Every structure is written in C-alpha cells, then in structure tokens.
C-alpha cells in the first residue's frame, strides 16, 4: 500500500477520479474543458511528456480555452512536464493562485460513524446527489450539467452521501475507489450548519463504505485557506503528501 500513497501515483489516481468527455491530449498534456466549479476539470494538466516548443504549446492551450469560453488555467504540480513550466508561465504574466494540499492516510480500520439525532445520511443516485450539491453551492445549470456528466461517466466505484435535516440537504460528500485507494470529493456544508460535525459524519461514512469495498488508504484535495476542513481531516489522520496551485493570466484567476 505504500506504493499507492506515492505522490506520483496519487496524482494519477486523482486524475482518473475526475472523468469528463470534454478533454483532449496535446503532446502529453491533458486539457480538460468541462465548465464548473472544479478547476481540475477545466485546466491544463501537464503530467505526462512534453516535446514541442513551449511557446507553441501555451499558445495552443490559450486558443482551445478561448474557443470554449473558459479561462486558460494551468494546474501546477511537482510533476510538471517540462519541469520549468511554472517559471515559464510566471515570466509570461501567469499569476499563481489557489494553493491546494493533497493529503492522504493509510486506513488501519474503518472509522466509526458518529450518530446524530437530527441529521439523516442517505445515499442518493447520481442525479439527486448532483442536484443537492448544486443547490448548496448555488451552482448555475451549466455547472450542474457538467458535474452530472463527470460523475455519470466515471469508470470507478463511487458513493455519494447527503446529510439532511428538517427535510433539506445541509451537507454532502462523495468517494471514488481505485486500486484500493479512496478519493474524497465534493465535501460541502451549508454555511448555517457548519461546526456541528456533519462533515465529519459524512467523511466517516464515506471511508467506512470505501473500506468495505477494499480500500485501505484514502486521499483528498483541500484548499490551503480552508482551515475548518483541515481540522476535520486531521481527525482521520490525513497528512499532506504534496501541494499544487494554478496559474492564469491576471484577469482569469477564477
């Protein structure tokens, strides 16, 4: 299982966990062009090889994203190809933003799921999960449609969980399992319900479900600035394995 938590393997598994039909390869770079909240789904992922002149490649990406009506985002990891891409983009005026931690943990046993008298955890189908997450995030229809497309076509085993209270969704999260490793995604809690431990309940249930499907390790991606989420994940033993950030032109850092 130590190999599964190798940072390069975690990056590969993370790329697999977010599937979209709106993507293409260009000289080893993976260009994802799916509109929505998740920048991983609408950015250049330069994880694989690179051989063409860098100026030509960057210009090509800019044309692709402009045609799609999206900002040109580059997702910068320790595995960039070529390795000097981050420096080259900075020299072209691309600003770094949204630092993110990739954290992982070895699961020695399934976690206990805390009980709550007024919160119900359910496992909806994909459409209902996407609708609930979209409602909580106030996502526009185009973003919800892109989210639904990605989850519908994933080749991985997945499970979504919604927490409801008083008949309305107040929190959600999902897990995808590949090669004995569980990825935690889409953890969201409505602002008025934060601090009640609902997200902890959801993560615990997702990890317990993944354990029952053969997962003995887990990973997640959390924004550097999201301190409440960091506190939740520390309870389960998650520690940072590597970090990444995005680069975009000054007026496209969103």
Protein backbone atom coordinates (compact mmCIF):
# COMPACT_ATOMS: atom_id res chain seq x y z
CA UNK A 1 0.00 0.00 0.00
CA UNK A 2 2.99 2.32 0.37
CA UNK A 3 3.24 2.47 -3.44
CA UNK A 4 -0.41 3.56 -3.62
CA UNK A 5 0.42 6.58 -1.47
CA UNK A 6 3.43 7.55 -3.55
CA UNK A 7 2.75 11.17 -4.61
CA UNK A 8 3.08 10.46 -8.33
CA UNK A 9 0.65 7.55 -8.07
CA UNK A 10 -1.76 9.69 -6.03
CA UNK A 11 -1.69 12.32 -8.78
CA UNK A 12 -2.50 9.68 -11.39
CA UNK A 13 -5.37 8.28 -9.31
CA UNK A 14 -6.67 11.79 -8.73
CA UNK A 15 -6.72 12.46 -12.48
CA UNK A 16 -8.64 9.22 -13.01
CA UNK A 17 -11.22 10.15 -10.38
CA UNK A 18 -12.42 13.14 -12.36
CA UNK A 19 -13.65 11.98 -15.75
CA UNK A 20 -15.05 14.20 -18.48
CA UNK A 21 -15.82 13.65 -22.13
CA UNK A 22 -14.69 17.22 -22.78
CA UNK A 23 -10.96 16.70 -22.79
CA UNK A 24 -8.07 16.08 -25.17
CA UNK A 25 -4.37 15.25 -25.12
CA UNK A 26 -1.82 17.54 -26.73
CA UNK A 27 1.83 16.41 -26.77
CA UNK A 28 1.44 14.73 -23.38
CA UNK A 29 -0.62 17.48 -21.74
CA UNK A 30 -4.17 16.70 -20.65
CA UNK A 31 -6.52 19.59 -21.44
CA UNK A 32 -9.82 19.36 -19.59
CA UNK A 33 -12.54 21.71 -20.79
CA UNK A 34 -15.53 20.95 -18.58
CA UNK A 35 -17.20 24.10 -17.17
CA UNK A 36 -17.95 24.15 -13.49
CA UNK A 37 -16.67 24.85 -10.02
CA UNK A 38 -13.89 22.25 -10.11
CA UNK A 39 -10.83 23.85 -11.68
CA UNK A 40 -9.30 20.39 -12.09
CA UNK A 41 -11.98 19.79 -14.74
CA UNK A 42 -11.21 22.94 -16.72
CA UNK A 43 -7.44 23.23 -16.67
CA UNK A 44 -4.27 22.03 -18.36
CA UNK A 45 -2.72 19.08 -16.52
CA UNK A 46 0.90 18.80 -17.75
CA UNK A 47 1.52 15.47 -16.03
CA UNK A 48 2.83 13.47 -18.98
CA UNK A 49 5.61 14.01 -21.50
CA UNK A 50 6.33 17.17 -23.45
CA UNK A 51 8.40 17.60 -26.60
CA UNK A 52 7.05 20.54 -28.65
CA UNK A 53 8.30 24.14 -28.23
CA UNK A 54 6.79 25.59 -25.08
CA UNK A 55 5.64 28.86 -26.67
CA UNK A 56 3.67 26.92 -29.26
CA UNK A 57 2.07 24.69 -26.64
CA UNK A 58 0.97 27.55 -24.41
CA UNK A 59 -0.47 29.45 -27.39
CA UNK A 60 -2.37 26.33 -28.48
CA UNK A 61 -3.89 25.94 -25.00
CA UNK A 62 -4.93 29.58 -24.94
CA UNK A 63 -6.76 29.14 -28.24
CA UNK A 64 -8.54 25.99 -27.04
CA UNK A 65 -9.81 27.58 -23.83
CA UNK A 66 -10.75 30.84 -25.52
CA UNK A 67 -12.85 28.91 -28.03
CA UNK A 68 -14.57 27.12 -25.13
CA UNK A 69 -15.29 30.39 -23.34
CA UNK A 70 -13.13 29.40 -20.38
CA UNK A 71 -10.08 30.99 -18.73
CA UNK A 72 -6.76 29.34 -19.56
CA UNK A 73 -5.78 27.60 -16.34
CA UNK A 74 -2.65 25.54 -15.75
CA UNK A 75 -2.61 23.16 -12.80
CA UNK A 76 0.92 23.21 -11.38
CA UNK A 77 2.09 20.09 -9.53
CA UNK A 78 5.57 18.79 -8.63
CA UNK A 79 5.27 16.56 -11.73
CA UNK A 80 5.08 19.26 -14.42
CA UNK A 81 6.40 18.40 -17.86
CA UNK A 82 8.57 20.25 -18.68
CA UNK A 83 9.82 20.86 -15.11
CA UNK A 84 10.41 24.59 -15.73
CA UNK A 85 6.80 25.21 -16.85
CA UNK A 86 5.87 27.09 -13.68
CA UNK A 87 8.74 29.54 -14.15
CA UNK A 88 7.97 29.94 -17.85
CA UNK A 89 4.31 30.75 -17.17
CA UNK A 90 5.27 33.28 -14.48
CA UNK A 91 7.52 35.03 -16.99
CA UNK A 92 4.51 35.28 -19.33
CA UNK A 93 2.42 37.03 -16.69
CA UNK A 94 0.54 33.99 -15.39
CA UNK A 95 -0.15 34.51 -11.68
CA UNK A 96 -0.13 31.70 -9.11
CA UNK A 97 -3.31 31.27 -7.02
CA UNK A 98 -5.40 28.72 -5.09
CA UNK A 99 -2.71 26.68 -3.38
CA UNK A 100 -4.09 23.20 -2.61
CA UNK A 101 -2.88 20.39 -0.35
CA UNK A 102 -3.09 16.76 -1.45
CA UNK A 103 -3.44 14.75 1.73
CA UNK A 104 -3.53 11.00 2.32
CA UNK A 105 -3.84 8.44 5.09
CA UNK A 106 -3.44 4.69 5.47
CA UNK A 107 -6.65 3.15 6.82
CA UNK A 108 -5.90 0.63 9.55
CA UNK A 109 -9.63 0.05 10.16
CA UNK A 110 -12.94 1.58 9.09
CA UNK A 111 -13.77 4.68 11.15
CA UNK A 112 -16.77 4.80 13.43
CA UNK A 113 -19.61 6.90 12.06
CA UNK A 114 -20.79 9.43 14.68
CA UNK A 115 -24.52 9.36 15.32
CA UNK A 116 -26.81 12.38 15.27
CA UNK A 117 -30.45 12.55 16.34
CA UNK A 118 -31.47 15.24 13.87
CA UNK A 119 -29.33 14.51 10.80
CA UNK A 120 -30.10 11.73 8.34
CA UNK A 121 -27.43 10.38 5.98
CA UNK A 122 -28.69 8.99 2.69
CA UNK A 123 -27.04 7.52 -0.42
CA UNK A 124 -28.81 9.09 -3.41
CA UNK A 125 -28.39 8.30 -7.08
CA UNK A 126 -26.01 10.44 -9.12
CA UNK A 127 -28.65 12.90 -10.35
CA UNK A 128 -30.03 13.55 -6.86
CA UNK A 129 -26.53 13.95 -5.45
CA UNK A 130 -25.56 16.49 -8.11
CA UNK A 131 -28.83 18.40 -7.60
CA UNK A 132 -28.27 18.61 -3.83
CA UNK A 133 -24.66 19.72 -4.19
CA UNK A 134 -25.69 22.27 -6.81
CA UNK A 135 -28.37 23.64 -4.51
CA UNK A 136 -25.93 24.03 -1.62
CA UNK A 137 -23.27 25.63 -3.82
CA UNK A 138 -25.85 27.66 -5.77
CA UNK A 139 -24.30 26.37 -8.97
CA UNK A 140 -25.82 27.51 -12.27
CA UNK A 141 -27.44 24.86 -14.54
CA UNK A 142 -24.42 24.60 -16.86
CA UNK A 143 -22.12 23.74 -13.96
CA UNK A 144 -24.58 21.19 -12.58
CA UNK A 145 -24.83 19.56 -16.02
CA UNK A 146 -21.04 19.31 -16.26
CA UNK A 147 -20.87 17.83 -12.75
CA UNK A 148 -23.52 15.25 -13.65
CA UNK A 149 -21.67 14.31 -16.84
CA UNK A 150 -18.41 13.74 -14.96
CA UNK A 151 -19.96 11.54 -12.27
CA UNK A 152 -22.18 9.63 -14.67
CA UNK A 153 -19.27 8.54 -16.84
CA UNK A 154 -16.68 7.74 -14.20
CA UNK A 155 -15.34 4.17 -14.53
CA UNK A 156 -14.66 4.00 -10.79
CA UNK A 157 -16.81 2.65 -7.98
CA UNK A 158 -18.28 5.65 -6.19
CA UNK A 159 -20.76 6.55 -3.50
CA UNK A 160 -22.35 9.89 -2.67
CA UNK A 161 -23.80 10.83 0.70
CA UNK A 162 -26.23 13.63 1.52
CA UNK A 163 -26.99 14.83 5.04
CA UNK A 164 -30.49 16.20 5.52
CA UNK A 165 -32.08 17.99 8.46
CA UNK A 166 -35.67 19.10 8.56
CA UNK A 167 -36.14 17.66 5.07
CA UNK A 168 -33.48 19.80 3.39
CA UNK A 169 -29.90 18.96 2.36
CA UNK A 170 -27.32 20.56 4.63
CA UNK A 171 -24.10 18.74 3.65
CA UNK A 172 -22.75 16.24 1.14
CA UNK A 173 -19.65 14.37 0.02
CA UNK A 174 -18.64 11.57 -2.29
CA UNK A 175 -15.93 8.92 -2.58
CA UNK A 176 -14.37 7.13 -5.57
CA UNK A 177 -12.26 3.98 -5.20
CA UNK A 178 -9.41 2.84 -7.44
CA UNK A 179 -6.79 0.18 -6.74
CA UNK A 180 -7.56 0.07 -3.02
CA UNK A 181 -7.36 3.86 -2.63
CA UNK A 182 -10.39 6.05 -1.81
CA UNK A 183 -10.64 9.63 -3.01
CA UNK A 184 -12.87 12.03 -1.04
CA UNK A 185 -14.52 14.78 -3.11
CA UNK A 186 -17.37 17.31 -3.12
CA UNK A 187 -17.46 17.78 0.64
CA UNK A 188 -19.74 20.76 1.18
CA UNK A 189 -21.79 22.08 4.13
CA UNK A 190 -24.23 24.96 4.02
CA UNK A 191 -22.86 27.90 5.99
CA UNK A 192 -25.57 27.93 8.66
CA UNK A 193 -24.88 24.28 9.56
CA UNK A 194 -21.10 24.40 9.86
CA UNK A 195 -19.44 23.48 13.12
CA UNK A 196 -21.99 20.78 14.02
CA UNK A 197 -19.81 17.84 12.98
CA UNK A 198 -21.95 16.90 9.97
CA UNK A 199 -18.99 16.88 7.57
CA UNK A 200 -17.16 14.58 9.99
CA UNK A 201 -20.11 12.18 9.87
CA UNK A 202 -20.10 12.21 6.09
CA UNK A 203 -16.35 11.62 5.72
CA UNK A 204 -16.53 8.78 8.25
CA UNK A 205 -19.36 7.10 6.36
CA UNK A 206 -17.58 7.50 3.03
CA UNK A 207 -14.36 5.99 4.39
CA UNK A 208 -16.29 3.12 6.02
CA UNK A 209 -18.02 2.37 2.71
CA UNK A 210 -14.71 2.50 0.84
CA UNK A 211 -13.11 0.17 3.40
CA UNK A 212 -15.91 -2.34 2.81
CA UNK A 213 -15.00 -2.20 -0.91
CA UNK A 214 -11.34 -2.98 -0.31
CA UNK A 215 -9.85 0.49 0.22
CA UNK A 216 -7.04 0.62 2.77
CA UNK A 217 -5.84 4.14 2.00
CA UNK A 218 -7.52 7.45 1.19
CA UNK A 219 -6.64 10.84 -0.22
CA UNK A 220 -8.26 14.22 -0.73
CA UNK A 221 -7.51 17.68 -2.05
CA UNK A 222 -8.14 20.67 0.20
CA UNK A 223 -7.66 24.39 -0.35
CA UNK A 224 -4.81 25.86 1.67
CA UNK A 225 -7.11 28.55 3.09
CA UNK A 226 -9.88 26.17 4.20
CA UNK A 227 -8.84 25.79 7.83
CA UNK A 228 -12.14 24.28 9.07
CA UNK A 229 -11.75 21.47 6.51
CA UNK A 230 -8.14 20.90 7.59
CA UNK A 231 -9.35 20.44 11.17
CA UNK A 232 -11.89 17.82 10.04
CA UNK A 233 -9.38 15.84 8.01
CA UNK A 234 -6.80 15.83 10.82
CA UNK A 235 -9.28 13.82 12.90
CA UNK A 236 -8.88 10.96 10.41
CA UNK A 237 -5.09 11.21 10.23
CA UNK A 238 -4.75 12.85 6.82
CA UNK A 239 -1.33 14.43 6.22
CA UNK A 240 -0.02 16.42 3.28
CA UNK A 241 1.88 14.47 0.60
CA UNK A 242 2.35 17.30 -1.91
CA UNK A 243 0.83 20.61 -2.96
CA UNK A 244 -0.27 22.18 -6.21
CA UNK A 245 -1.55 25.55 -7.40
CA UNK A 246 -2.99 27.12 -10.52
CA UNK A 247 -1.63 29.74 -12.87
CA UNK A 248 -3.71 32.04 -15.04
CA UNK A 249 -3.49 35.46 -16.57
CA UNK A 250 -4.28 38.28 -14.18
CA UNK A 251 -7.90 38.73 -15.30
CA UNK A 252 -8.62 34.97 -15.44
CA UNK A 253 -7.76 33.81 -11.92
CA UNK A 254 -11.14 32.26 -11.17
